[in-house]
Every structure is written in C-alpha cells, then in structure tokens.
PDB file of N, CA and C in Angstrom:
ATOM      1  N   UNK A   1       0.831  -1.178  -0.014  1.00  0.00           N
ATOM      2  CA  UNK A   1      -0.055  -0.028  -0.036  1.00  0.00           C
ATOM      3  C   UNK A   1       0.892   1.235  -0.017  1.00  0.00           C
ATOM      4  N   UNK A   2       0.730   2.128  -0.957  1.00  0.00           N
ATOM      5  CA  UNK A   2       1.500   3.389  -1.051  1.00  0.00           C
ATOM      6  C   UNK A   2       1.139   4.309   0.015  1.00  0.00           C
ATOM      7  N   UNK A   3       1.964   5.366   0.229  1.00  0.00           N
ATOM      8  CA  UNK A   3       1.633   6.392   1.109  1.00  0.00           C
ATOM      9  C   UNK A   3       0.434   7.165   0.815  1.00  0.00           C
ATOM     10  N   UNK A   4       0.290   7.407  -0.523  1.00  0.00           N
ATOM     11  CA  UNK A   4      -0.962   8.135  -0.928  1.00  0.00           C
ATOM     12  C   UNK A   4      -2.128   7.422  -0.771  1.00  0.00           C
ATOM     13  N   UNK A   5      -2.207   6.058  -0.902  1.00  0.00           N
ATOM     14  CA  UNK A   5      -3.344   5.271  -0.602  1.00  0.00           C
ATOM     15  C   UNK A   5      -3.669   5.285   0.866  1.00  0.00           C
ATOM     16  N   UNK A   6      -2.652   5.183   1.647  1.00  0.00           N
ATOM     17  CA  UNK A   6      -2.800   5.178   3.131  1.00  0.00           C
ATOM     18  C   UNK A   6      -3.404   6.546   3.571  1.00  0.00           C
ATOM     19  N   UNK A   7      -2.946   7.775   3.009  1.00  0.00           N
ATOM     20  CA  UNK A   7      -3.515   8.945   3.287  1.00  0.00           C
ATOM     21  C   UNK A   7      -4.988   8.992   2.940  1.00  0.00           C
ATOM     22  N   UNK A   8      -5.342   8.525   1.740  1.00  0.00           N
ATOM     23  CA  UNK A   8      -6.726   8.567   1.296  1.00  0.00           C
ATOM     24  C   UNK A   8      -7.559   7.730   2.204  1.00  0.00           C
ATOM     25  N   UNK A   9      -7.084   6.587   2.649  1.00  0.00           N
ATOM     26  CA  UNK A   9      -7.852   5.701   3.524  1.00  0.00           C
ATOM     27  C   UNK A   9      -8.069   6.347   4.821  1.00  0.00           C
ATOM     28  N   UNK A  10      -7.075   6.984   5.336  1.00  0.00           N
ATOM     29  CA  UNK A  10      -7.181   7.709   6.740  1.00  0.00           C
ATOM     30  C   UNK A  10      -8.188   8.799   6.505  1.00  0.00           C
ATOM     31  N   UNK A  11      -8.101   9.619   5.522  1.00  0.00           N
ATOM     32  CA  UNK A  11      -9.102  10.633   5.294  1.00  0.00           C
ATOM     33  C   UNK A  11     -10.485  10.150   5.290  1.00  0.00           C
ATOM     34  N   UNK A  12     -10.674   9.063   4.473  1.00  0.00           N
ATOM     35  CA  UNK A  12     -12.008   8.497   4.435  1.00  0.00           C
ATOM     36  C   UNK A  12     -12.594   7.938   5.711  1.00  0.00           C
ATOM     37  N   UNK A  13     -11.698   7.329   6.558  1.00  0.00           N
ATOM     38  CA  UNK A  13     -12.012   6.856   7.903  1.00  0.00           C
ATOM     39  C   UNK A  13     -12.404   7.949   8.840  1.00  0.00           C
ATOM     40  N   UNK A  14     -11.634   9.061   8.773  1.00  0.00           N
ATOM     41  CA  UNK A  14     -11.913  10.223   9.670  1.00  0.00           C
ATOM     42  C   UNK A  14     -13.216  10.834   9.258  1.00  0.00           C
ATOM     43  N   UNK A  15     -13.474  10.992   7.968  1.00  0.00           N
ATOM     44  CA  UNK A  15     -14.752  11.636   7.542  1.00  0.00           C
ATOM     45  C   UNK A  15     -15.943  10.742   7.954  1.00  0.00           C
ATOM     46  N   UNK A  16     -15.811   9.446   7.801  1.00  0.00           N
ATOM     47  CA  UNK A  16     -16.872   8.634   8.247  1.00  0.00           C
ATOM     48  C   UNK A  16     -17.216   8.605   9.760  1.00  0.00           C
ATOM     49  N   UNK A  17     -16.132   8.699  10.460  1.00  0.00           N
ATOM     50  CA  UNK A  17     -16.280   8.779  11.918  1.00  0.00           C
ATOM     51  C   UNK A  17     -16.915   9.979  12.399  1.00  0.00           C
ATOM     52  N   UNK A  18     -16.544  11.181  11.705  1.00  0.00           N
ATOM     53  CA  UNK A  18     -17.035  12.560  12.034  1.00  0.00           C
ATOM     54  C   UNK A  18     -18.595  12.448  11.616  1.00  0.00           C
ATOM     55  N   UNK A  19     -18.914  11.867  10.536  1.00  0.00           N
ATOM     56  CA  UNK A  19     -20.328  11.881  10.104  1.00  0.00           C
ATOM     57  C   UNK A  19     -21.291  11.088  11.015  1.00  0.00           C
ATOM     58  N   UNK A  20     -20.644   9.933  11.564  1.00  0.00           N
ATOM     59  CA  UNK A  20     -21.400   9.156  12.627  1.00  0.00           C
ATOM     60  C   UNK A  20     -21.562   9.707  13.950  1.00  0.00           C
ATOM     61  N   UNK A  21     -20.753  10.860  14.172  1.00  0.00           N
ATOM     62  CA  UNK A  21     -20.714  11.478  15.522  1.00  0.00           C
ATOM     63  C   UNK A  21     -20.110  10.616  16.612  1.00  0.00           C
ATOM     64  N   UNK A  22     -19.354   9.632  16.187  1.00  0.00           N
ATOM     65  CA  UNK A  22     -18.699   8.835  17.182  1.00  0.00           C
ATOM     66  C   UNK A  22     -17.337   9.493  17.720  1.00  0.00           C
ATOM     67  N   UNK A  23     -16.872  10.467  17.144  1.00  0.00           N
ATOM     68  CA  UNK A  23     -15.698  11.150  17.432  1.00  0.00           C
ATOM     69  C   UNK A  23     -16.002  12.592  17.584  1.00  0.00           C
ATOM     70  N   UNK A  24     -15.539  13.117  18.770  1.00  0.00           N
ATOM     71  CA  UNK A  24     -15.800  14.587  18.952  1.00  0.00           C
ATOM     72  C   UNK A  24     -14.443  15.284  18.934  1.00  0.00           C
ATOM     73  N   UNK A  25     -14.351  16.495  18.433  1.00  0.00           N
ATOM     74  CA  UNK A  25     -13.149  17.138  18.248  1.00  0.00           C
ATOM     75  C   UNK A  25     -13.248  18.358  19.208  1.00  0.00           C
ATOM     76  N   UNK A  26     -12.456  18.532  20.154  1.00  0.00           N
ATOM     77  CA  UNK A  26     -12.345  19.592  21.194  1.00  0.00           C
ATOM     78  C   UNK A  26     -11.127  20.238  21.065  1.00  0.00           C
ATOM     79  N   UNK A  27     -11.214  21.614  21.478  1.00  0.00           N
ATOM     80  CA  UNK A  27      -9.972  22.442  21.537  1.00  0.00           C
ATOM     81  C   UNK A  27      -9.501  22.643  22.948  1.00  0.00           C
ATOM     82  N   UNK A  28      -8.301  22.331  23.231  1.00  0.00           N
ATOM     83  CA  UNK A  28      -7.827  22.382  24.619  1.00  0.00           C
ATOM     84  C   UNK A  28      -6.889  23.576  24.907  1.00  0.00           C
ATOM     85  N   UNK A  29      -6.298  23.531  26.017  1.00  0.00           N
ATOM     86  CA  UNK A  29      -5.207  24.535  26.376  1.00  0.00           C
ATOM     87  C   UNK A  29      -4.023  24.450  25.506  1.00  0.00           C
ATOM     88  N   UNK A  30      -3.418  25.605  25.209  1.00  0.00           N
ATOM     89  CA  UNK A  30      -2.125  25.691  24.539  1.00  0.00           C
ATOM     90  C   UNK A  30      -0.985  25.658  25.383  1.00  0.00           C
ATOM     91  N   UNK A  31       0.024  24.884  25.067  1.00  0.00           N
ATOM     92  CA  UNK A  31       1.188  24.905  25.807  1.00  0.00           C
ATOM     93  C   UNK A  31       2.339  25.625  25.154  1.00  0.00           C
ATOM     94  N   UNK A  32       2.995  26.504  25.883  1.00  0.00           N
ATOM     95  CA  UNK A  32       4.019  27.379  25.365  1.00  0.00           C
ATOM     96  C   UNK A  32       5.352  27.069  26.103  1.00  0.00           C
ATOM     97  N   UNK A  33       6.388  26.977  25.358  1.00  0.00           N
ATOM     98  CA  UNK A  33       7.673  26.961  25.965  1.00  0.00           C
ATOM     99  C   UNK A  33       8.321  28.357  25.797  1.00  0.00           C
ATOM    100  N   UNK A  34       8.613  28.950  26.964  1.00  0.00           N
ATOM    101  CA  UNK A  34       9.140  30.330  26.890  1.00  0.00           C
ATOM    102  C   UNK A  34      10.275  30.390  27.782  1.00  0.00           C
ATOM    103  N   UNK A  35      11.182  31.400  27.441  1.00  0.00           N
ATOM    104  CA  UNK A  35      12.343  31.546  28.189  1.00  0.00           C
ATOM    105  C   UNK A  35      12.272  32.684  29.273  1.00  0.00           C
ATOM    106  N   UNK A  36      12.772  32.443  30.451  1.00  0.00           N
ATOM    107  CA  UNK A  36      12.875  33.458  31.453  1.00  0.00           C
ATOM    108  C   UNK A  36      13.575  34.643  31.020  1.00  0.00           C
ATOM    109  N   UNK A  37      13.014  35.879  31.309  1.00  0.00           N
ATOM    110  CA  UNK A  37      13.732  37.112  31.006  1.00  0.00           C
ATOM    111  C   UNK A  37      14.937  37.432  31.940  1.00  0.00           C
ATOM    112  N   UNK A  38      14.866  36.888  33.144  1.00  0.00           N
ATOM    113  CA  UNK A  38      15.860  37.073  34.169  1.00  0.00           C
ATOM    114  C   UNK A  38      17.068  36.053  34.001  1.00  0.00           C
ATOM    115  N   UNK A  39      16.773  34.747  34.136  1.00  0.00           N
ATOM    116  CA  UNK A  39      17.811  33.828  34.178  1.00  0.00           C
ATOM    117  C   UNK A  39      17.975  32.883  32.973  1.00  0.00           C
ATOM    118  N   UNK A  40      17.039  33.026  32.046  1.00  0.00           N
ATOM    119  CA  UNK A  40      17.092  32.287  30.716  1.00  0.00           C
ATOM    120  C   UNK A  40      16.694  30.854  30.770  1.00  0.00           C
ATOM    121  N   UNK A  41      16.104  30.387  31.859  1.00  0.00           N
ATOM    122  CA  UNK A  41      15.587  29.081  31.878  1.00  0.00           C
ATOM    123  C   UNK A  41      14.297  28.818  31.176  1.00  0.00           C
ATOM    124  N   UNK A  42      14.260  27.570  30.537  1.00  0.00           N
ATOM    125  CA  UNK A  42      12.999  27.303  29.726  1.00  0.00           C
ATOM    126  C   UNK A  42      11.922  26.947  30.720  1.00  0.00           C
ATOM    127  N   UNK A  43      10.731  27.387  30.402  1.00  0.00           N
ATOM    128  CA  UNK A  43       9.544  27.090  31.211  1.00  0.00           C
ATOM    129  C   UNK A  43       8.384  26.710  30.233  1.00  0.00           C
ATOM    130  N   UNK A  44       7.673  25.750  30.591  1.00  0.00           N
ATOM    131  CA  UNK A  44       6.496  25.307  29.882  1.00  0.00           C
ATOM    132  C   UNK A  44       5.210  25.780  30.605  1.00  0.00           C
ATOM    133  N   UNK A  45       4.422  26.575  29.835  1.00  0.00           N
ATOM    134  CA  UNK A  45       3.357  27.319  30.452  1.00  0.00           C
ATOM    135  C   UNK A  45       2.059  26.872  29.694  1.00  0.00           C
ATOM    136  N   UNK A  46       0.931  26.635  30.399  1.00  0.00           N
ATOM    137  CA  UNK A  46      -0.339  26.384  29.829  1.00  0.00           C
ATOM    138  C   UNK A  46      -1.119  27.628  29.651  1.00  0.00           C
ATOM    139  N   UNK A  47      -1.675  27.845  28.484  1.00  0.00           N
ATOM    140  CA  UNK A  47      -2.563  28.966  28.270  1.00  0.00           C
ATOM    141  C   UNK A  47      -3.955  28.667  27.844  1.00  0.00           C
ATOM    142  N   UNK A  48      -4.840  29.078  28.746  1.00  0.00           N
ATOM    143  CA  UNK A  48      -6.257  28.665  28.455  1.00  0.00           C
ATOM    144  C   UNK A  48      -6.767  29.167  27.101  1.00  0.00           C
ATOM    145  N   UNK A  49      -7.687  28.523  26.548  1.00  0.00           N
ATOM    146  CA  UNK A  49      -8.322  28.983  25.291  1.00  0.00           C
ATOM    147  C   UNK A  49      -8.935  30.390  25.384  1.00  0.00           C
ATOM    148  N   UNK A  50      -8.630  31.143  24.441  1.00  0.00           N
ATOM    149  CA  UNK A  50      -9.042  32.564  24.338  1.00  0.00           C
ATOM    150  C   UNK A  50      -8.287  33.585  24.932  1.00  0.00           C
ATOM    151  N   UNK A  51      -7.194  33.242  25.592  1.00  0.00           N
ATOM    152  CA  UNK A  51      -6.387  34.195  26.259  1.00  0.00           C
ATOM    153  C   UNK A  51      -5.111  34.423  25.276  1.00  0.00           C
ATOM    154  N   UNK A  52      -4.599  35.677  25.308  1.00  0.00           N
ATOM    155  CA  UNK A  52      -3.408  35.922  24.464  1.00  0.00           C
ATOM    156  C   UNK A  52      -2.157  36.095  25.341  1.00  0.00           C
ATOM    157  N   UNK A  53      -2.340  36.361  26.606  1.00  0.00           N
ATOM    158  CA  UNK A  53      -1.153  36.466  27.464  1.00  0.00           C
ATOM    159  C   UNK A  53      -1.478  35.710  28.878  1.00  0.00           C
ATOM    160  N   UNK A  54      -0.470  35.165  29.420  1.00  0.00           N
ATOM    161  CA  UNK A  54      -0.735  34.446  30.685  1.00  0.00           C
ATOM    162  C   UNK A  54       0.514  34.747  31.588  1.00  0.00           C
ATOM    163  N   UNK A  55       0.099  34.954  32.944  1.00  0.00           N
ATOM    164  CA  UNK A  55       1.221  35.236  33.869  1.00  0.00           C
ATOM    165  C   UNK A  55       1.712  33.985  34.468  1.00  0.00           C
ATOM    166  N   UNK A  56       3.051  33.900  34.638  1.00  0.00           N
ATOM    167  CA  UNK A  56       3.641  32.700  35.310  1.00  0.00           C
ATOM    168  C   UNK A  56       4.870  33.124  36.048  1.00  0.00           C
ATOM    169  N   UNK A  57       5.403  32.238  36.894  1.00  0.00           N
ATOM    170  CA  UNK A  57       6.682  32.538  37.590  1.00  0.00           C
ATOM    171  C   UNK A  57       7.615  31.546  37.156  1.00  0.00           C
ATOM    172  N   UNK A  58       8.867  31.893  36.990  1.00  0.00           N
ATOM    173  CA  UNK A  58      10.012  30.977  36.554  1.00  0.00           C
ATOM    174  C   UNK A  58      10.114  29.856  37.534  1.00  0.00           C
ATOM    175  N   UNK A  59      10.350  28.694  36.917  1.00  0.00           N
ATOM    176  CA  UNK A  59      10.503  27.436  37.865  1.00  0.00           C
ATOM    177  C   UNK A  59      11.815  27.533  38.519  1.00  0.00           C
ATOM    178  N   UNK A  60      12.775  28.157  38.051  1.00  0.00           N
ATOM    179  CA  UNK A  60      14.209  28.199  38.611  1.00  0.00           C
ATOM    180  C   UNK A  60      14.255  29.375  39.595  1.00  0.00           C
ATOM    181  N   UNK A  61      14.086  30.671  39.123  1.00  0.00           N
ATOM    182  CA  UNK A  61      14.411  31.742  39.931  1.00  0.00           C
ATOM    183  C   UNK A  61      13.147  32.413  40.646  1.00  0.00           C
ATOM    184  N   UNK A  62      12.016  31.997  40.107  1.00  0.00           N
ATOM    185  CA  UNK A  62      10.784  32.596  40.731  1.00  0.00           C
ATOM    186  C   UNK A  62      10.330  33.881  40.185  1.00  0.00           C
ATOM    187  N   UNK A  63      10.943  34.450  39.204  1.00  0.00           N
ATOM    188  CA  UNK A  63      10.623  35.764  38.671  1.00  0.00           C
ATOM    189  C   UNK A  63       9.298  35.737  38.003  1.00  0.00           C
ATOM    190  N   UNK A  64       8.421  36.651  38.383  1.00  0.00           N
ATOM    191  CA  UNK A  64       7.077  36.676  37.771  1.00  0.00           C
ATOM    192  C   UNK A  64       7.056  37.485  36.532  1.00  0.00           C
ATOM    193  N   UNK A  65       6.450  36.922  35.451  1.00  0.00           N
ATOM    194  CA  UNK A  65       6.372  37.612  34.118  1.00  0.00           C
ATOM    195  C   UNK A  65       5.175  37.107  33.382  1.00  0.00           C
ATOM    196  N   UNK A  66       5.003  37.711  32.229  1.00  0.00           N
ATOM    197  CA  UNK A  66       3.883  37.340  31.249  1.00  0.00           C
ATOM    198  C   UNK A  66       4.465  36.794  30.027  1.00  0.00           C
ATOM    199  N   UNK A  67       3.752  35.788  29.449  1.00  0.00           N
ATOM    200  CA  UNK A  67       4.085  35.021  28.227  1.00  0.00           C
ATOM    201  C   UNK A  67       3.168  35.467  27.198  1.00  0.00           C
ATOM    202  N   UNK A  68       3.469  35.550  25.962  1.00  0.00           N
ATOM    203  CA  UNK A  68       2.635  35.867  24.789  1.00  0.00           C
ATOM    204  C   UNK A  68       2.046  34.610  24.289  1.00  0.00           C
TER     205      UNK A  68
END
C-alpha cells in the first residue's frame, strides 16, 4: 500500500467517523515553551483557550512575568 493510498484511507475513515458523530473534536489549552527574561531558563506554560497572555513565575528563579 503506497503512502498516498494510506492517506486517502485515513481521510475516508476520519470523515466517516465524524459523520457518525462517534468522534468529537475539542480544543484544549495551548502549551508554550518560553524563556525566562531574568535567568534564561526554559519554562512550559499552559495558556487557556481565548487568552493571548498568561502570567507565570519562573520554575528556577521565581521571577514573575507574562508570556505571549
């Protein structure tokens, strides 16, 4: 089975499942990897749906800041 045939089969199966309403698609929280402005450590922050900025504190130094 070629890759194109597998893609077409997958698309067909997804379309059938959505038509039968057996699969629901939901939108969840966004996860952002951001760098601390003070110490440079990487932080993973969850942003709720509909927000553009979220406040967090750095996991290493505790500096409070906002992520985009």
